[in-house]
PDB file of N, CA and C in Angstrom:
ATOM      1  N   MET A   1       2.892  15.427  -1.764  1.00  0.00           N
ATOM      2  CA  MET A   1       1.681  15.299  -2.527  1.00  0.00           C
ATOM      3  C   MET A   1       0.784  16.463  -2.132  1.00  0.00           C
ATOM      4  N   THR A   2       0.225  17.114  -3.111  1.00  0.00           N
ATOM      5  CA  THR A   2      -0.697  18.196  -2.833  1.00  0.00           C
ATOM      6  C   THR A   2      -1.996  17.954  -3.573  1.00  0.00           C
ATOM      7  N   LEU A   3      -3.068  18.363  -2.940  1.00  0.00           N
ATOM      8  CA  LEU A   3      -4.366  18.283  -3.594  1.00  0.00           C
ATOM      9  C   LEU A   3      -4.496  19.514  -4.468  1.00  0.00           C
ATOM     10  N   CYS A   4      -4.962  19.330  -5.707  1.00  0.00           N
ATOM     11  CA  CYS A   4      -4.896  20.427  -6.654  1.00  0.00           C
ATOM     12  C   CYS A   4      -6.172  21.229  -6.809  1.00  0.00           C
ATOM     13  N   ASN A   5      -7.222  20.873  -6.190  1.00  0.00           N
ATOM     14  CA  ASN A   5      -8.490  21.547  -6.407  1.00  0.00           C
ATOM     15  C   ASN A   5      -8.901  22.256  -5.112  1.00  0.00           C
ATOM     16  N   ASP A   6      -9.355  23.492  -5.243  1.00  0.00           N
ATOM     17  CA  ASP A   6      -9.799  24.234  -4.059  1.00  0.00           C
ATOM     18  C   ASP A   6     -10.978  23.557  -3.373  1.00  0.00           C
ATOM     19  N   ASP A   7     -11.773  22.819  -4.139  1.00  0.00           N
ATOM     20  CA  ASP A   7     -12.916  22.110  -3.573  1.00  0.00           C
ATOM     21  C   ASP A   7     -12.470  20.963  -2.669  1.00  0.00           C
ATOM     22  N   GLU A   8     -11.208  20.595  -2.717  1.00  0.00           N
ATOM     23  CA  GLU A   8     -10.687  19.479  -1.940  1.00  0.00           C
ATOM     24  C   GLU A   8     -10.141  19.934  -0.585  1.00  0.00           C
ATOM     25  N   HIS A   9     -10.413  21.170  -0.191  1.00  0.00           N
ATOM     26  CA  HIS A   9      -9.874  21.704   1.064  1.00  0.00           C
ATOM     27  C   HIS A   9     -10.276  20.832   2.260  1.00  0.00           C
ATOM     28  N   ASP A  10     -11.537  20.408   2.301  1.00  0.00           N
ATOM     29  CA  ASP A  10     -11.993  19.567   3.405  1.00  0.00           C
ATOM     30  C   ASP A  10     -11.248  18.245   3.416  1.00  0.00           C
ATOM     31  N   LEU A  11     -11.023  17.692   2.231  1.00  0.00           N
ATOM     32  CA  LEU A  11     -10.295  16.434   2.131  1.00  0.00           C
ATOM     33  C   LEU A  11      -8.862  16.611   2.618  1.00  0.00           C
ATOM     34  N   LYS A  12      -8.263  17.754   2.337  1.00  0.00           N
ATOM     35  CA  LYS A  12      -6.897  18.023   2.780  1.00  0.00           C
ATOM     36  C   LYS A  12      -6.816  18.019   4.305  1.00  0.00           C
ATOM     37  N   GLN A  13      -7.803  18.623   4.967  1.00  0.00           N
ATOM     38  CA  GLN A  13      -7.823  18.633   6.426  1.00  0.00           C
ATOM     39  C   GLN A  13      -7.987  17.218   6.981  1.00  0.00           C
ATOM     40  N   VAL A  14      -8.867  16.455   6.353  1.00  0.00           N
ATOM     41  CA  VAL A  14      -9.074  15.065   6.782  1.00  0.00           C
ATOM     42  C   VAL A  14      -7.802  14.267   6.574  1.00  0.00           C
ATOM     43  N   LEU A  15      -7.146  14.463   5.427  1.00  0.00           N
ATOM     44  CA  LEU A  15      -5.900  13.752   5.142  1.00  0.00           C
ATOM     45  C   LEU A  15      -4.841  14.072   6.193  1.00  0.00           C
ATOM     46  N   THR A  16      -4.707  15.329   6.545  1.00  0.00           N
ATOM     47  CA  THR A  16      -3.726  15.738   7.560  1.00  0.00           C
ATOM     48  C   THR A  16      -4.033  15.079   8.906  1.00  0.00           C
ATOM     49  N   TYR A  17      -5.294  15.110   9.303  1.00  0.00           N
ATOM     50  CA  TYR A  17      -5.682  14.501  10.572  1.00  0.00           C
ATOM     51  C   TYR A  17      -5.427  12.995  10.556  1.00  0.00           C
ATOM     52  N   MET A  18      -5.822  12.332   9.479  1.00  0.00           N
ATOM     53  CA  MET A  18      -5.691  10.879   9.425  1.00  0.00           C
ATOM     54  C   MET A  18      -4.232  10.445   9.299  1.00  0.00           C
ATOM     55  N   LYS A  19      -3.400  11.277   8.671  1.00  0.00           N
ATOM     56  CA  LYS A  19      -1.968  10.985   8.633  1.00  0.00           C
ATOM     57  C   LYS A  19      -1.412  10.938  10.048  1.00  0.00           C
ATOM     58  N   GLN A  20      -1.880  11.856  10.875  1.00  0.00           N
ATOM     59  CA  GLN A  20      -1.432  11.870  12.263  1.00  0.00           C
ATOM     60  C   GLN A  20      -1.891  10.603  12.978  1.00  0.00           C
ATOM     61  N   GLN A  21      -3.115  10.166  12.688  1.00  0.00           N
ATOM     62  CA  GLN A  21      -3.646   8.954  13.311  1.00  0.00           C
ATOM     63  C   GLN A  21      -2.898   7.711  12.846  1.00  0.00           C
ATOM     64  N   ILE A  22      -2.561   7.670  11.555  1.00  0.00           N
ATOM     65  CA  ILE A  22      -1.839   6.526  10.998  1.00  0.00           C
ATOM     66  C   ILE A  22      -0.403   6.521  11.502  1.00  0.00           C
ATOM     67  N   GLY A  23       0.122   7.707  11.793  1.00  0.00           N
ATOM     68  CA  GLY A  23       1.481   7.799  12.311  1.00  0.00           C
ATOM     69  C   GLY A  23       2.520   7.967  11.227  1.00  0.00           C
ATOM     70  N   SER A  24       2.093   8.358  10.041  1.00  0.00           N
ATOM     71  CA  SER A  24       3.023   8.540   8.944  1.00  0.00           C
ATOM     72  C   SER A  24       3.304  10.024   8.773  1.00  0.00           C
ATOM     73  N   GLY A  25       4.563  10.381   8.790  1.00  0.00           N
ATOM     74  CA  GLY A  25       4.914  11.773   8.572  1.00  0.00           C
ATOM     75  C   GLY A  25       4.993  12.117   7.104  1.00  0.00           C
ATOM     76  N   GLU A  26       5.062  11.116   6.258  1.00  0.00           N
ATOM     77  CA  GLU A  26       5.226  11.329   4.833  1.00  0.00           C
ATOM     78  C   GLU A  26       3.890  11.131   4.120  1.00  0.00           C
ATOM     79  N   THR A  27       3.610  12.005   3.177  1.00  0.00           N
ATOM     80  CA  THR A  27       2.403  11.854   2.375  1.00  0.00           C
ATOM     81  C   THR A  27       2.795  11.178   1.077  1.00  0.00           C
ATOM     82  N   ASN A  28       2.236  10.028   0.833  1.00  0.00           N
ATOM     83  CA  ASN A  28       2.473   9.330  -0.421  1.00  0.00           C
ATOM     84  C   ASN A  28       1.190   8.607  -0.810  1.00  0.00           C
ATOM     85  N   LEU A  29       1.234   7.876  -1.898  1.00  0.00           N
ATOM     86  CA  LEU A  29       0.035   7.192  -2.366  1.00  0.00           C
ATOM     87  C   LEU A  29      -0.435   6.137  -1.371  1.00  0.00           C
ATOM     88  N   ARG A  30       0.472   5.530  -0.642  1.00  0.00           N
ATOM     89  CA  ARG A  30       0.068   4.535   0.349  1.00  0.00           C
ATOM     90  C   ARG A  30      -0.709   5.208   1.481  1.00  0.00           C
ATOM     91  N   THR A  31      -0.225   6.331   1.960  1.00  0.00           N
ATOM     92  CA  THR A  31      -0.927   7.068   3.004  1.00  0.00           C
ATOM     93  C   THR A  31      -2.311   7.472   2.520  1.00  0.00           C
ATOM     94  N   LEU A  32      -2.376   7.993   1.298  1.00  0.00           N
ATOM     95  CA  LEU A  32      -3.660   8.389   0.742  1.00  0.00           C
ATOM     96  C   LEU A  32      -4.590   7.184   0.638  1.00  0.00           C
ATOM     97  N   GLY A  33      -4.058   6.044   0.204  1.00  0.00           N
ATOM     98  CA  GLY A  33      -4.865   4.827   0.121  1.00  0.00           C
ATOM     99  C   GLY A  33      -5.422   4.413   1.471  1.00  0.00           C
ATOM    100  N   LYS A  34      -4.598   4.489   2.502  1.00  0.00           N
ATOM    101  CA  LYS A  34      -5.047   4.121   3.846  1.00  0.00           C
ATOM    102  C   LYS A  34      -6.116   5.078   4.365  1.00  0.00           C
ATOM    103  N   VAL A  35      -5.924   6.359   4.090  1.00  0.00           N
ATOM    104  CA  VAL A  35      -6.910   7.355   4.518  1.00  0.00           C
ATOM    105  C   VAL A  35      -8.238   7.099   3.804  1.00  0.00           C
ATOM    106  N   LEU A  36      -8.181   6.873   2.502  1.00  0.00           N
ATOM    107  CA  LEU A  36      -9.403   6.615   1.742  1.00  0.00           C
ATOM    108  C   LEU A  36     -10.098   5.347   2.230  1.00  0.00           C
ATOM    109  N   CYS A  37      -9.325   4.349   2.604  1.00  0.00           N
ATOM    110  CA  CYS A  37      -9.901   3.110   3.142  1.00  0.00           C
ATOM    111  C   CYS A  37     -10.642   3.403   4.435  1.00  0.00           C
ATOM    112  N   ARG A  38     -10.025   4.170   5.316  1.00  0.00           N
ATOM    113  CA  ARG A  38     -10.675   4.520   6.584  1.00  0.00           C
ATOM    114  C   ARG A  38     -11.937   5.341   6.366  1.00  0.00           C
ATOM    115  N   MET A  39     -11.967   6.066   5.253  1.00  0.00           N
ATOM    116  CA  MET A  39     -13.144   6.877   4.926  1.00  0.00           C
ATOM    117  C   MET A  39     -14.228   6.036   4.247  1.00  0.00           C
ATOM    118  N   GLY A  40     -13.907   4.773   3.963  1.00  0.00           N
ATOM    119  CA  GLY A  40     -14.875   3.915   3.290  1.00  0.00           C
ATOM    120  C   GLY A  40     -14.870   4.071   1.785  1.00  0.00           C
ATOM    121  N   LYS A  41     -13.876   4.746   1.246  1.00  0.00           N
ATOM    122  CA  LYS A  41     -13.741   4.953  -0.201  1.00  0.00           C
ATOM    123  C   LYS A  41     -12.827   3.866  -0.765  1.00  0.00           C
ATOM    124  N   PHE A  42     -13.318   2.628  -0.737  1.00  0.00           N
ATOM    125  CA  PHE A  42     -12.496   1.470  -1.069  1.00  0.00           C
ATOM    126  C   PHE A  42     -12.035   1.468  -2.521  1.00  0.00           C
ATOM    127  N   ASP A  43     -12.903   1.893  -3.445  1.00  0.00           N
ATOM    128  CA  ASP A  43     -12.518   1.920  -4.861  1.00  0.00           C
ATOM    129  C   ASP A  43     -11.385   2.910  -5.106  1.00  0.00           C
ATOM    130  N   LEU A  44     -11.487   4.082  -4.502  1.00  0.00           N
ATOM    131  CA  LEU A  44     -10.420   5.074  -4.654  1.00  0.00           C
ATOM    132  C   LEU A  44      -9.135   4.609  -3.984  1.00  0.00           C
ATOM    133  N   ALA A  45      -9.256   4.008  -2.821  1.00  0.00           N
ATOM    134  CA  ALA A  45      -8.077   3.497  -2.122  1.00  0.00           C
ATOM    135  C   ALA A  45      -7.369   2.464  -2.999  1.00  0.00           C
ATOM    136  N   GLU A  46      -8.140   1.573  -3.591  1.00  0.00           N
ATOM    137  CA  GLU A  46      -7.560   0.551  -4.469  1.00  0.00           C
ATOM    138  C   GLU A  46      -6.862   1.200  -5.661  1.00  0.00           C
ATOM    139  N   LYS A  47      -7.487   2.212  -6.225  1.00  0.00           N
ATOM    140  CA  LYS A  47      -6.916   2.907  -7.381  1.00  0.00           C
ATOM    141  C   LYS A  47      -5.531   3.473  -7.049  1.00  0.00           C
ATOM    142  N   TYR A  48      -5.416   4.152  -5.919  1.00  0.00           N
ATOM    143  CA  TYR A  48      -4.146   4.779  -5.568  1.00  0.00           C
ATOM    144  C   TYR A  48      -3.093   3.759  -5.135  1.00  0.00           C
ATOM    145  N   LEU A  49      -3.517   2.709  -4.464  1.00  0.00           N
ATOM    146  CA  LEU A  49      -2.552   1.681  -4.078  1.00  0.00           C
ATOM    147  C   LEU A  49      -2.018   0.933  -5.301  1.00  0.00           C
ATOM    148  N   LYS A  50      -2.895   0.655  -6.266  1.00  0.00           N
ATOM    149  CA  LYS A  50      -2.438  -0.005  -7.497  1.00  0.00           C
ATOM    150  C   LYS A  50      -1.512   0.920  -8.285  1.00  0.00           C
ATOM    151  N   ARG A  51      -1.808   2.199  -8.276  1.00  0.00           N
ATOM    152  CA  ARG A  51      -0.937   3.161  -8.949  1.00  0.00           C
ATOM    153  C   ARG A  51       0.445   3.167  -8.300  1.00  0.00           C
ATOM    154  N   LEU A  52       0.476   3.079  -6.980  1.00  0.00           N
ATOM    155  CA  LEU A  52       1.756   3.023  -6.270  1.00  0.00           C
ATOM    156  C   LEU A  52       2.541   1.788  -6.684  1.00  0.00           C
ATOM    157  N   LEU A  53       1.865   0.646  -6.824  1.00  0.00           N
ATOM    158  CA  LEU A  53       2.546  -0.568  -7.259  1.00  0.00           C
ATOM    159  C   LEU A  53       3.218  -0.378  -8.616  1.00  0.00           C
ATOM    160  N   ILE A  54       2.551   0.336  -9.499  1.00  0.00           N
ATOM    161  CA  ILE A  54       3.099   0.588 -10.837  1.00  0.00           C
ATOM    162  C   ILE A  54       4.329   1.497 -10.762  1.00  0.00           C
ATOM    163  N   GLU A  55       4.287   2.461  -9.850  1.00  0.00           N
ATOM    164  CA  GLU A  55       5.362   3.447  -9.750  1.00  0.00           C
ATOM    165  C   GLU A  55       6.590   2.931  -9.003  1.00  0.00           C
ATOM    166  N   LEU A  56       6.420   1.949  -8.139  1.00  0.00           N
ATOM    167  CA  LEU A  56       7.561   1.440  -7.363  1.00  0.00           C
ATOM    168  C   LEU A  56       8.437   0.533  -8.228  1.00  0.00           C
ATOM    169  N   PRO A  57       9.740   0.552  -7.981  1.00  0.00           N
ATOM    170  CA  PRO A  57      10.611  -0.428  -8.652  1.00  0.00           C
ATOM    171  C   PRO A  57      10.181  -1.844  -8.265  1.00  0.00           C
ATOM    172  N   SER A  58      10.398  -2.795  -9.152  1.00  0.00           N
ATOM    173  CA  SER A  58       9.878  -4.155  -8.958  1.00  0.00           C
ATOM    174  C   SER A  58      10.412  -4.872  -7.723  1.00  0.00           C
ATOM    175  N   ASN A  59      11.506  -4.404  -7.172  1.00  0.00           N
ATOM    176  CA  ASN A  59      12.074  -5.065  -5.987  1.00  0.00           C
ATOM    177  C   ASN A  59      11.985  -4.187  -4.729  1.00  0.00           C
ATOM    178  N   HIS A  60      11.169  -3.159  -4.771  1.00  0.00           N
ATOM    179  CA  HIS A  60      11.054  -2.233  -3.636  1.00  0.00           C
ATOM    180  C   HIS A  60      10.434  -2.950  -2.433  1.00  0.00           C
ATOM    181  N   PRO A  61      11.011  -2.797  -1.246  1.00  0.00           N
ATOM    182  CA  PRO A  61      10.499  -3.504  -0.061  1.00  0.00           C
ATOM    183  C   PRO A  61       9.082  -3.092   0.348  1.00  0.00           C
ATOM    184  N   LEU A  62       8.609  -1.947  -0.075  1.00  0.00           N
ATOM    185  CA  LEU A  62       7.272  -1.481   0.269  1.00  0.00           C
ATOM    186  C   LEU A  62       6.172  -2.270  -0.457  1.00  0.00           C
ATOM    187  N   ILE A  63       6.525  -2.942  -1.533  1.00  0.00           N
ATOM    188  CA  ILE A  63       5.534  -3.658  -2.342  1.00  0.00           C
ATOM    189  C   ILE A  63       4.744  -4.655  -1.499  1.00  0.00           C
ATOM    190  N   SER A  64       5.410  -5.384  -0.644  1.00  0.00           N
ATOM    191  CA  SER A  64       4.722  -6.365   0.200  1.00  0.00           C
ATOM    192  C   SER A  64       3.662  -5.707   1.074  1.00  0.00           C
ATOM    193  N   SER A  65       3.995  -4.556   1.641  1.00  0.00           N
ATOM    194  CA  SER A  65       3.037  -3.835   2.482  1.00  0.00           C
ATOM    195  C   SER A  65       1.862  -3.306   1.671  1.00  0.00           C
ATOM    196  N   VAL A  66       2.124  -2.881   0.449  1.00  0.00           N
ATOM    197  CA  VAL A  66       1.041  -2.389  -0.409  1.00  0.00           C
ATOM    198  C   VAL A  66       0.108  -3.543  -0.767  1.00  0.00           C
ATOM    199  N   TYR A  67       0.684  -4.725  -1.033  1.00  0.00           N
ATOM    200  CA  TYR A  67      -0.155  -5.905  -1.273  1.00  0.00           C
ATOM    201  C   TYR A  67      -1.039  -6.189  -0.051  1.00  0.00           C
ATOM    202  N   GLU A  68      -0.472  -6.065   1.138  1.00  0.00           N
ATOM    203  CA  GLU A  68      -1.260  -6.281   2.357  1.00  0.00           C
ATOM    204  C   GLU A  68      -2.371  -5.241   2.483  1.00  0.00           C
ATOM    205  N   ASP A  69      -2.046  -3.992   2.165  1.00  0.00           N
ATOM    206  CA  ASP A  69      -3.071  -2.942   2.195  1.00  0.00           C
ATOM    207  C   ASP A  69      -4.186  -3.260   1.206  1.00  0.00           C
ATOM    208  N   LEU A  70      -3.806  -3.706   0.009  1.00  0.00           N
ATOM    209  CA  LEU A  70      -4.805  -4.077  -0.993  1.00  0.00           C
ATOM    210  C   LEU A  70      -5.621  -5.282  -0.533  1.00  0.00           C
ATOM    211  N   GLY A  71      -5.014  -6.150   0.264  1.00  0.00           N
ATOM    212  CA  GLY A  71      -5.736  -7.297   0.805  1.00  0.00           C
ATOM    213  C   GLY A  71      -6.768  -6.922   1.847  1.00  0.00           C
ATOM    214  N   GLN A  72      -6.555  -5.810   2.506  1.00  0.00           N
ATOM    215  CA  GLN A  72      -7.518  -5.366   3.517  1.00  0.00           C
ATOM    216  C   GLN A  72      -8.775  -4.767   2.888  1.00  0.00           C
ATOM    217  N   LEU A  73      -8.632  -4.189   1.716  1.00  0.00           N
ATOM    218  CA  LEU A  73      -9.779  -3.528   1.076  1.00  0.00           C
ATOM    219  C   LEU A  73     -10.928  -4.480   0.777  1.00  0.00           C
ATOM    220  N   PRO A  74     -10.698  -5.586   0.053  1.00  0.00           N
ATOM    221  CA  PRO A  74     -11.837  -6.459  -0.267  1.00  0.00           C
ATOM    222  C   PRO A  74     -12.434  -7.140   0.961  1.00  0.00           C
ATOM    223  N   SER A  75     -11.645  -7.326   1.993  1.00  0.00           N
ATOM    224  CA  SER A  75     -12.207  -7.936   3.200  1.00  0.00           C
ATOM    225  C   SER A  75     -13.225  -7.008   3.860  1.00  0.00           C
ATOM    226  N   GLN A  76     -13.078  -5.707   3.626  1.00  0.00           N
ATOM    227  CA  GLN A  76     -14.026  -4.726   4.166  1.00  0.00           C
ATOM    228  C   GLN A  76     -15.390  -4.818   3.481  1.00  0.00           C
ATOM    229  N   THR A  77     -15.382  -5.333   2.245  1.00  0.00           N
ATOM    230  CA  THR A  77     -16.628  -5.399   1.482  1.00  0.00           C
ATOM    231  C   THR A  77     -17.104  -6.839   1.289  1.00  0.00           C
ATOM    232  N   GLY A  78     -16.496  -7.767   2.022  1.00  0.00           N
ATOM    233  CA  GLY A  78     -16.944  -9.154   1.972  1.00  0.00           C
ATOM    234  C   GLY A  78     -16.385  -9.972   0.826  1.00  0.00           C
ATOM    235  N   HIS A  79     -15.408  -9.463   0.107  1.00  0.00           N
ATOM    236  CA  HIS A  79     -14.783 -10.194  -0.995  1.00  0.00           C
ATOM    237  C   HIS A  79     -13.511 -10.887  -0.475  1.00  0.00           C
ATOM    238  N   PHE A  80     -13.733 -11.922   0.294  1.00  0.00           N
ATOM    239  CA  PHE A  80     -12.625 -12.558   1.010  1.00  0.00           C
ATOM    240  C   PHE A  80     -11.667 -13.308   0.093  1.00  0.00           C
ATOM    241  N   ASN A  81     -12.168 -13.858  -1.012  1.00  0.00           N
ATOM    242  CA  ASN A  81     -11.274 -14.552  -1.944  1.00  0.00           C
ATOM    243  C   ASN A  81     -10.251 -13.591  -2.534  1.00  0.00           C
ATOM    244  N   MET A  82     -10.698 -12.398  -2.895  1.00  0.00           N
ATOM    245  CA  MET A  82      -9.781 -11.386  -3.435  1.00  0.00           C
ATOM    246  C   MET A  82      -8.798 -10.950  -2.356  1.00  0.00           C
ATOM    247  N   SER A  83      -9.274 -10.842  -1.132  1.00  0.00           N
ATOM    248  CA  SER A  83      -8.397 -10.483  -0.022  1.00  0.00           C
ATOM    249  C   SER A  83      -7.288 -11.515   0.138  1.00  0.00           C
ATOM    250  N   VAL A  84      -7.666 -12.778   0.088  1.00  0.00           N
ATOM    251  CA  VAL A  84      -6.682 -13.856   0.211  1.00  0.00           C
ATOM    252  C   VAL A  84      -5.661 -13.785  -0.919  1.00  0.00           C
ATOM    253  N   GLN A  85      -6.122 -13.488  -2.125  1.00  0.00           N
ATOM    254  CA  GLN A  85      -5.208 -13.404  -3.264  1.00  0.00           C
ATOM    255  C   GLN A  85      -4.158 -12.314  -3.071  1.00  0.00           C
ATOM    256  N   TRP A  86      -4.568 -11.157  -2.568  1.00  0.00           N
ATOM    257  CA  TRP A  86      -3.599 -10.083  -2.326  1.00  0.00           C
ATOM    258  C   TRP A  86      -2.613 -10.473  -1.224  1.00  0.00           C
ATOM    259  N   HIS A  87      -3.114 -11.119  -0.187  1.00  0.00           N
ATOM    260  CA  HIS A  87      -2.214 -11.535   0.903  1.00  0.00           C
ATOM    261  C   HIS A  87      -1.251 -12.624   0.425  1.00  0.00           C
ATOM    262  N   GLN A  88      -1.703 -13.482  -0.466  1.00  0.00           N
ATOM    263  CA  GLN A  88      -0.810 -14.487  -1.042  1.00  0.00           C
ATOM    264  C   GLN A  88       0.297 -13.819  -1.862  1.00  0.00           C
ATOM    265  N   LYS A  89      -0.061 -12.768  -2.599  1.00  0.00           N
ATOM    266  CA  LYS A  89       0.954 -12.024  -3.357  1.00  0.00           C
ATOM    267  C   LYS A  89       1.982 -11.412  -2.407  1.00  0.00           C
ATOM    268  N   SER A  90       1.506 -10.904  -1.287  1.00  0.00           N
ATOM    269  CA  SER A  90       2.407 -10.315  -0.304  1.00  0.00           C
ATOM    270  C   SER A  90       3.392 -11.363   0.214  1.00  0.00           C
ATOM    271  N   LEU A  91       2.867 -12.528   0.575  1.00  0.00           N
ATOM    272  CA  LEU A  91       3.737 -13.602   1.078  1.00  0.00           C
ATOM    273  C   LEU A  91       4.724 -14.073   0.022  1.00  0.00           C
ATOM    274  N   ALA A  92       4.244 -14.227  -1.221  1.00  0.00           N
ATOM    275  CA  ALA A  92       5.120 -14.664  -2.309  1.00  0.00           C
ATOM    276  C   ALA A  92       6.236 -13.644  -2.537  1.00  0.00           C
ATOM    277  N   PHE A  93       5.895 -12.372  -2.476  1.00  0.00           N
ATOM    278  CA  PHE A  93       6.897 -11.323  -2.652  1.00  0.00           C
ATOM    279  C   PHE A  93       7.925 -11.370  -1.530  1.00  0.00           C
ATOM    280  N   LYS A  94       7.449 -11.541  -0.291  1.00  0.00           N
ATOM    281  CA  LYS A  94       8.372 -11.625   0.847  1.00  0.00           C
ATOM    282  C   LYS A  94       9.334 -12.800   0.691  1.00  0.00           C
ATOM    283  N   LYS A  95       8.797 -13.944   0.252  1.00  0.00           N
ATOM    284  CA  LYS A  95       9.653 -15.119   0.049  1.00  0.00           C
ATOM    285  C   LYS A  95      10.662 -14.867  -1.058  1.00  0.00           C
ATOM    286  N   GLU A  96      10.220 -14.225  -2.126  1.00  0.00           N
ATOM    287  CA  GLU A  96      11.116 -13.923  -3.247  1.00  0.00           C
ATOM    288  C   GLU A  96      12.257 -13.017  -2.803  1.00  0.00           C
ATOM    289  N   ILE A  97      11.927 -11.998  -2.025  1.00  0.00           N
ATOM    290  CA  ILE A  97      12.946 -11.078  -1.518  1.00  0.00           C
ATOM    291  C   ILE A  97      13.901 -11.814  -0.580  1.00  0.00           C
ATOM    292  N   GLU A  98      13.328 -12.670   0.278  1.00  0.00           N
ATOM    293  CA  GLU A  98      14.161 -13.436   1.212  1.00  0.00           C
ATOM    294  C   GLU A  98      15.113 -14.358   0.463  1.00  0.00           C
ATOM    295  N   LEU A  99      14.608 -15.053  -0.546  1.00  0.00           N
ATOM    296  CA  LEU A  99      15.459 -15.936  -1.341  1.00  0.00           C
ATOM    297  C   LEU A  99      16.547 -15.154  -2.056  1.00  0.00           C
ATOM    298  N   SER A 100      16.189 -14.006  -2.591  1.00  0.00           N
ATOM    299  CA  SER A 100      17.151 -13.156  -3.281  1.00  0.00           C
ATOM    300  C   SER A 100      18.231 -12.668  -2.321  1.00  0.00           C
ATOM    301  N   THR A 101      17.814 -12.279  -1.123  1.00  0.00           N
ATOM    302  CA  THR A 101      18.758 -11.808  -0.112  1.00  0.00           C
ATOM    303  C   THR A 101      19.693 -12.931   0.307  1.00  0.00           C
ATOM    304  N   ASN A 102      19.131 -14.114   0.560  1.00  0.00           N
ATOM    305  CA  ASN A 102      19.959 -15.260   0.949  1.00  0.00           C
ATOM    306  C   ASN A 102      20.908 -15.665  -0.170  1.00  0.00           C
ATOM    307  N   SER A 103      20.448 -15.584  -1.395  1.00  0.00           N
ATOM    308  CA  SER A 103      21.288 -15.915  -2.537  1.00  0.00           C
ATOM    309  C   SER A 103      22.459 -14.942  -2.640  1.00  0.00           C
ATOM    310  N   ASN A 104      22.170 -13.667  -2.438  1.00  0.00           N
ATOM    311  CA  ASN A 104      23.227 -12.656  -2.482  1.00  0.00           C
ATOM    312  C   ASN A 104      24.235 -12.862  -1.361  1.00  0.00           C
ATOM    313  N   ILE A 105      23.770 -13.252  -0.184  1.00  0.00           N
ATOM    314  CA  ILE A 105      24.670 -13.499   0.954  1.00  0.00           C
ATOM    315  C   ILE A 105      25.557 -14.702   0.641  1.00  0.00           C
ATOM    316  N   ASN A 106      24.970 -15.753   0.064  1.00  0.00           N
ATOM    317  CA  ASN A 106      25.753 -16.941  -0.279  1.00  0.00           C
ATOM    318  C   ASN A 106      26.796 -16.634  -1.337  1.00  0.00           C
ATOM    319  N   GLU A 107      26.480 -15.772  -2.297  1.00  0.00           N
ATOM    320  CA  GLU A 107      27.440 -15.389  -3.333  1.00  0.00           C
ATOM    321  C   GLU A 107      28.605 -14.638  -2.715  1.00  0.00           C
ATOM    322  N   ILE A 108      28.324 -13.803  -1.733  1.00  0.00           N
ATOM    323  CA  ILE A 108      29.382 -13.030  -1.083  1.00  0.00           C
ATOM    324  C   ILE A 108      30.293 -13.956  -0.290  1.00  0.00           C
ATOM    325  N   LYS A 109      29.740 -14.982   0.341  1.00  0.00           N
ATOM    326  CA  LYS A 109      30.529 -15.899   1.164  1.00  0.00           C
ATOM    327  C   LYS A 109      31.462 -16.761   0.323  1.00  0.00           C
ATOM    328  N   THR A 110      31.073 -17.070  -0.929  1.00  0.00           N
ATOM    329  CA  THR A 110      31.909 -17.950  -1.746  1.00  0.00           C
ATOM    330  C   THR A 110      32.915 -17.213  -2.562  1.00  0.00           C
TER     331      THR A 110
END
């Protein structure tokens, strides 16, 4: 991911530094969302995390983590009901994946 505007040079430096703090070697929309959250740019963080959800395949294992990231955003601004809703989506997704995995294992055994 590259920032396309010369005016974003400062943001690029911040992104690089915060990537190191987060511990992610890869730059993707999730990393950008986390950096924006740490910067207090909750609306932008939400925008990029939701965009990532749209771009990921429907069964991608990262989806649960993105739901958790989205759940952290509203809790920062006191919108706890919305936070709970995102965390519930994360749990539901994890259960769905687990059931799917167990179902596939049972099919292989029979």
